[in-house]
C-alpha cells in the first residue's frame, strides 16, 4: 500500500478490509490510536509497564470482536471504550475499592490511595522535565476525574466524545473536568498549558513493541493461508491529531 493511501484511508475502511481478510491493515489502526489508548489506560492504571500490558490485551480483544463493531459509534470511540474498560477490569482485579472522599467531604488524592511503585530509570530521568511534572500532578487526581481530564485536556476530545467513550452524561463530564482542574494547583495549570498534550507520549519504539506483540498474537491464532498472508505496512507510529494537521 502506498504511503499516501496509508494516510488517507478511513478508519471504517480499515475495519472493513481487516474483516475481509487483510489482517495486516490492523497495524495501521494500532499505529493511529496507540497513543490515545495508552493515555486513557494510563489514566486508570498508574504504572507504565502495566499500562502497556493492558494496551496489548485491549488491541487483541478489539481484534477478536471486530465483527461486533456495528458503526453506532466511531471506530476511535469504540476502541477507546474497549481500552478504558480493560483498564478498569485490571484495577478491579488487583486492588480493593477505596473511597474518593473523606467523611468530611474532602477529596482524597489518588496518590494517597495507592502504594508507591518502583520507577524505571527512564521515568526517573524524565521526571525533571516539564511534561513529567504535569504527569505527576495528573497521577495524583482520583481515578474517575483523571480519566475525564486525560481525554478532554490531553487527548483534546470534545465533551460529547468523552461522554460517549466513558459512557457518562455530558453534565458528568463537565463536572468531573471542573473538579479535576480545581485539584491541580493553579500555577501548575497556567505554566504547563501547551505541555499537556505531550504527557504520556507513546510513539516510536514503545508503539512498535505493542504493534509487533499484537500482530504476533493475531498471527499465531490465525489458521492456514490467512496466517501466511498477513501484511505489514511500514507505517510509523503517529498520533491521530498529527495526521489531521
Protein backbone atom coordinates (compact mmCIF):
# COMPACT_ATOMS: atom_id res chain seq x y z
CA UNK A 1 0.00 0.00 0.00
CA UNK A 2 1.33 3.47 -0.91
CA UNK A 3 2.19 5.85 1.91
CA UNK A 4 -0.38 8.38 0.68
CA UNK A 5 -3.14 5.76 0.83
CA UNK A 6 -2.00 4.80 4.33
CA UNK A 7 -2.61 8.37 5.45
CA UNK A 8 -5.97 8.87 3.77
CA UNK A 9 -7.78 5.56 4.21
CA UNK A 10 -10.57 5.95 6.76
CA UNK A 11 -10.89 4.00 10.00
CA UNK A 12 -14.10 2.42 8.77
CA UNK A 13 -12.44 1.26 5.54
CA UNK A 14 -9.62 -0.24 7.57
CA UNK A 15 -12.06 -2.18 9.74
CA UNK A 16 -13.96 -3.39 6.68
CA UNK A 17 -10.80 -4.59 4.94
CA UNK A 18 -9.43 -6.29 8.07
CA UNK A 19 -12.75 -8.12 8.42
CA UNK A 20 -12.42 -9.19 4.78
CA UNK A 21 -9.07 -10.83 5.48
CA UNK A 22 -6.44 -8.08 5.10
CA UNK A 23 -5.23 -8.71 8.63
CA UNK A 24 -2.04 -6.72 8.23
CA UNK A 25 -4.00 -3.49 7.91
CA UNK A 26 -4.83 -3.82 11.60
CA UNK A 27 -1.32 -2.47 12.18
CA UNK A 28 -2.36 0.87 10.69
CA UNK A 29 -5.27 1.09 13.09
CA UNK A 30 -2.98 0.36 16.04
CA UNK A 31 -0.43 2.96 15.00
CA UNK A 32 -3.15 5.59 14.62
CA UNK A 33 -4.59 5.07 18.07
CA UNK A 34 -1.83 3.54 20.20
CA UNK A 35 -1.10 6.85 21.90
CA UNK A 36 -4.73 7.69 22.64
CA UNK A 37 -5.44 4.23 24.02
CA UNK A 38 -2.25 4.21 26.08
CA UNK A 39 -3.18 7.56 27.56
CA UNK A 40 -6.68 6.54 28.59
CA UNK A 41 -5.35 3.28 30.05
CA UNK A 42 -2.55 5.13 31.82
CA UNK A 43 -5.14 7.42 33.38
CA UNK A 44 -6.58 4.36 35.14
CA UNK A 45 -3.51 2.14 35.59
CA UNK A 46 -0.85 4.39 37.07
CA UNK A 47 2.13 2.29 36.06
CA UNK A 48 3.70 2.39 32.60
CA UNK A 49 4.57 -1.30 32.40
CA UNK A 50 1.14 -2.49 33.44
CA UNK A 51 -0.47 0.05 31.11
CA UNK A 52 1.44 -1.44 28.17
CA UNK A 53 0.21 -4.94 29.13
CA UNK A 54 -3.36 -3.68 29.26
CA UNK A 55 -2.93 -1.90 25.92
CA UNK A 56 -1.84 -5.09 24.22
CA UNK A 57 -4.77 -7.00 25.73
CA UNK A 58 -7.17 -4.28 24.59
CA UNK A 59 -5.93 -4.47 20.98
CA UNK A 60 -6.23 -8.26 20.95
CA UNK A 61 -9.72 -8.07 22.42
CA UNK A 62 -10.75 -5.47 19.85
CA UNK A 63 -9.45 -7.66 17.02
CA UNK A 64 -11.28 -10.71 18.35
CA UNK A 65 -14.54 -8.75 18.46
CA UNK A 66 -14.09 -6.75 15.28
CA UNK A 67 -17.10 -8.46 13.76
CA UNK A 68 -19.23 -6.97 16.54
CA UNK A 69 -18.44 -3.39 15.55
CA UNK A 70 -21.78 -2.02 14.34
CA UNK A 71 -20.83 1.54 13.48
CA UNK A 72 -23.15 3.15 16.01
CA UNK A 73 -20.09 4.96 17.39
CA UNK A 74 -16.91 5.91 15.58
CA UNK A 75 -14.09 3.37 15.38
CA UNK A 76 -11.99 5.62 17.63
CA UNK A 77 -14.70 5.78 20.29
CA UNK A 78 -15.28 2.02 20.13
CA UNK A 79 -11.57 1.31 20.59
CA UNK A 80 -11.22 3.87 23.39
CA UNK A 81 -14.14 2.32 25.25
CA UNK A 82 -12.61 -1.16 25.00
CA UNK A 83 -9.28 0.13 26.31
CA UNK A 84 -10.91 2.03 29.17
CA UNK A 85 -12.92 -0.91 30.40
CA UNK A 86 -9.97 -3.26 30.01
CA UNK A 87 -8.02 -0.93 32.31
CA UNK A 88 -10.86 -0.77 34.81
CA UNK A 89 -11.08 -4.56 34.85
CA UNK A 90 -7.35 -4.78 35.58
CA UNK A 91 -7.54 -2.40 38.53
CA UNK A 92 -10.59 -4.16 39.97
CA UNK A 93 -8.72 -7.45 39.87
CA UNK A 94 -5.65 -6.08 41.61
CA UNK A 95 -6.97 -3.85 44.37
CA UNK A 96 -9.91 -3.32 46.69
CA UNK A 97 -12.34 -0.45 46.26
CA UNK A 98 -11.27 2.74 48.01
CA UNK A 99 -13.39 5.84 48.67
CA UNK A 100 -12.86 9.06 46.73
CA UNK A 101 -13.87 11.31 49.58
CA UNK A 102 -13.12 11.55 53.28
CA UNK A 103 -16.01 11.58 55.78
CA UNK A 104 -15.96 15.37 55.82
CA UNK A 105 -16.34 15.54 52.04
CA UNK A 106 -12.70 16.34 51.24
CA UNK A 107 -11.48 14.64 48.06
CA UNK A 108 -8.74 12.08 48.58
CA UNK A 109 -5.90 12.31 46.07
CA UNK A 110 -5.16 9.11 44.19
CA UNK A 111 -1.53 9.39 45.28
CA UNK A 112 -2.70 8.89 48.88
CA UNK A 113 -4.74 5.82 47.98
CA UNK A 114 -2.11 3.67 46.30
CA UNK A 115 1.22 2.28 47.36
CA UNK A 116 4.34 3.81 45.86
CA UNK A 117 5.51 1.83 42.85
CA UNK A 118 9.10 1.49 41.73
CA UNK A 119 10.05 3.68 38.80
CA UNK A 120 12.22 2.71 35.89
CA UNK A 121 15.45 4.67 35.28
CA UNK A 122 13.81 6.08 32.15
CA UNK A 123 10.97 7.60 34.16
CA UNK A 124 13.34 8.88 36.84
CA UNK A 125 15.44 10.62 34.18
CA UNK A 126 12.39 12.25 32.59
CA UNK A 127 10.77 13.35 35.84
CA UNK A 128 12.74 16.56 35.89
CA UNK A 129 11.23 17.64 32.60
CA UNK A 130 8.30 19.98 32.49
CA UNK A 131 5.88 17.48 30.99
CA UNK A 132 6.68 14.93 33.69
CA UNK A 133 5.83 17.42 36.39
CA UNK A 134 2.39 17.69 34.88
CA UNK A 135 2.12 13.93 34.56
CA UNK A 136 2.83 13.55 38.28
CA UNK A 137 0.15 16.11 39.08
CA UNK A 138 -2.40 14.32 36.90
CA UNK A 139 -1.47 10.99 38.50
CA UNK A 140 -2.48 12.49 41.86
CA UNK A 141 -6.06 13.01 40.69
CA UNK A 142 -8.74 10.50 41.75
CA UNK A 143 -9.24 7.85 39.06
CA UNK A 144 -12.71 8.97 37.97
CA UNK A 145 -11.56 12.55 37.47
CA UNK A 146 -8.25 11.58 35.91
CA UNK A 147 -9.84 9.64 33.04
CA UNK A 148 -12.03 12.59 32.11
CA UNK A 149 -9.11 15.02 32.36
CA UNK A 150 -6.86 12.90 30.14
CA UNK A 151 -9.46 12.53 27.40
CA UNK A 152 -10.55 16.17 27.47
CA UNK A 153 -7.29 18.03 28.16
CA UNK A 154 -4.60 15.65 26.91
CA UNK A 155 -6.35 13.93 24.00
CA UNK A 156 -8.41 17.05 23.22
CA UNK A 157 -11.68 15.16 22.80
CA UNK A 158 -14.91 17.12 22.98
CA UNK A 159 -17.32 16.81 25.91
CA UNK A 160 -19.69 14.68 23.86
CA UNK A 161 -16.87 12.39 22.63
CA UNK A 162 -15.58 11.93 26.18
CA UNK A 163 -19.06 11.20 27.46
CA UNK A 164 -19.53 8.60 24.73
CA UNK A 165 -16.18 6.93 25.42
CA UNK A 166 -16.72 6.69 29.19
CA UNK A 167 -20.49 6.18 28.97
CA UNK A 168 -21.22 9.22 31.11
CA UNK A 169 -23.62 12.10 30.72
CA UNK A 170 -22.16 15.30 29.28
CA UNK A 171 -23.03 17.04 32.54
CA UNK A 172 -20.99 14.47 34.49
CA UNK A 173 -18.03 15.04 32.17
CA UNK A 174 -18.22 18.80 32.69
CA UNK A 175 -18.45 18.39 36.47
CA UNK A 176 -15.53 15.98 36.70
CA UNK A 177 -13.39 18.11 34.44
CA UNK A 178 -14.09 21.15 36.60
CA UNK A 179 -13.22 19.26 39.78
CA UNK A 180 -10.06 17.79 38.27
CA UNK A 181 -8.83 21.24 37.33
CA UNK A 182 -9.62 22.51 40.82
CA UNK A 183 -7.43 19.75 42.28
CA UNK A 184 -4.45 20.79 40.16
CA UNK A 185 -2.55 23.74 41.53
CA UNK A 186 -3.37 26.97 39.71
CA UNK A 187 0.22 27.84 38.96
CA UNK A 188 0.91 24.34 37.59
CA UNK A 189 -2.05 24.56 35.22
CA UNK A 190 -1.06 28.03 33.98
CA UNK A 191 2.63 27.13 33.47
CA UNK A 192 2.07 23.86 31.66
CA UNK A 193 -0.82 24.62 29.34
CA UNK A 194 0.82 23.72 25.97
CA UNK A 195 2.84 20.86 27.53
CA UNK A 196 -0.32 18.97 28.50
CA UNK A 197 -0.53 17.43 25.03
CA UNK A 198 2.94 15.92 25.42
CA UNK A 199 2.17 13.95 28.58
CA UNK A 200 2.15 10.14 28.33
CA UNK A 201 3.80 10.13 24.89
CA UNK A 202 3.59 6.71 23.27
CA UNK A 203 5.33 6.80 19.93
CA UNK A 204 8.46 5.29 18.38
CA UNK A 205 9.91 2.05 19.87
CA UNK A 206 7.22 1.69 22.54
CA UNK A 207 4.48 1.89 19.94
CA UNK A 208 6.38 -0.55 17.69
CA UNK A 209 6.73 -3.05 20.55
CA UNK A 210 2.98 -3.14 21.15
CA UNK A 211 2.21 -3.41 17.43
CA UNK A 212 4.59 -6.34 16.95
CA UNK A 213 3.29 -8.09 20.06
CA UNK A 214 -0.34 -7.82 18.98
CA UNK A 215 0.39 -8.84 15.38
CA UNK A 216 2.34 -11.83 16.66
CA UNK A 217 -0.56 -12.99 18.79
CA UNK A 218 -3.04 -12.46 15.97
CA UNK A 219 -0.86 -14.39 13.53
CA UNK A 220 -0.42 -17.25 15.99
CA UNK A 221 -4.20 -17.57 16.34
CA UNK A 222 -4.80 -17.49 12.56
CA UNK A 223 -5.06 -20.67 10.52
CA UNK A 224 -3.94 -21.76 7.05
CA UNK A 225 -3.27 -19.18 4.39
CA UNK A 226 -4.73 -16.39 6.43
CA UNK A 227 -1.68 -16.52 8.71
CA UNK A 228 0.82 -16.53 5.84
CA UNK A 229 -0.79 -13.60 4.05
CA UNK A 230 -0.55 -11.12 6.91
CA UNK A 231 0.52 -7.73 5.57
CA UNK A 232 2.87 -5.50 7.48
CA UNK A 233 2.86 -1.97 6.03
CA UNK A 234 5.80 0.05 7.25
CA UNK A 235 3.83 2.95 8.70
CA UNK A 236 5.43 4.80 11.63
CA UNK A 237 3.52 5.37 14.86
CA UNK A 238 1.85 8.75 14.77
CA UNK A 239 -0.88 10.31 16.88
CA UNK A 240 -4.22 10.80 15.14
CA UNK A 241 -4.03 14.52 15.82
CA UNK A 242 -0.73 14.83 13.93
CA UNK A 243 -2.25 13.10 10.89
CA UNK A 244 -5.02 15.65 10.71
CA UNK A 245 -2.67 18.65 10.81
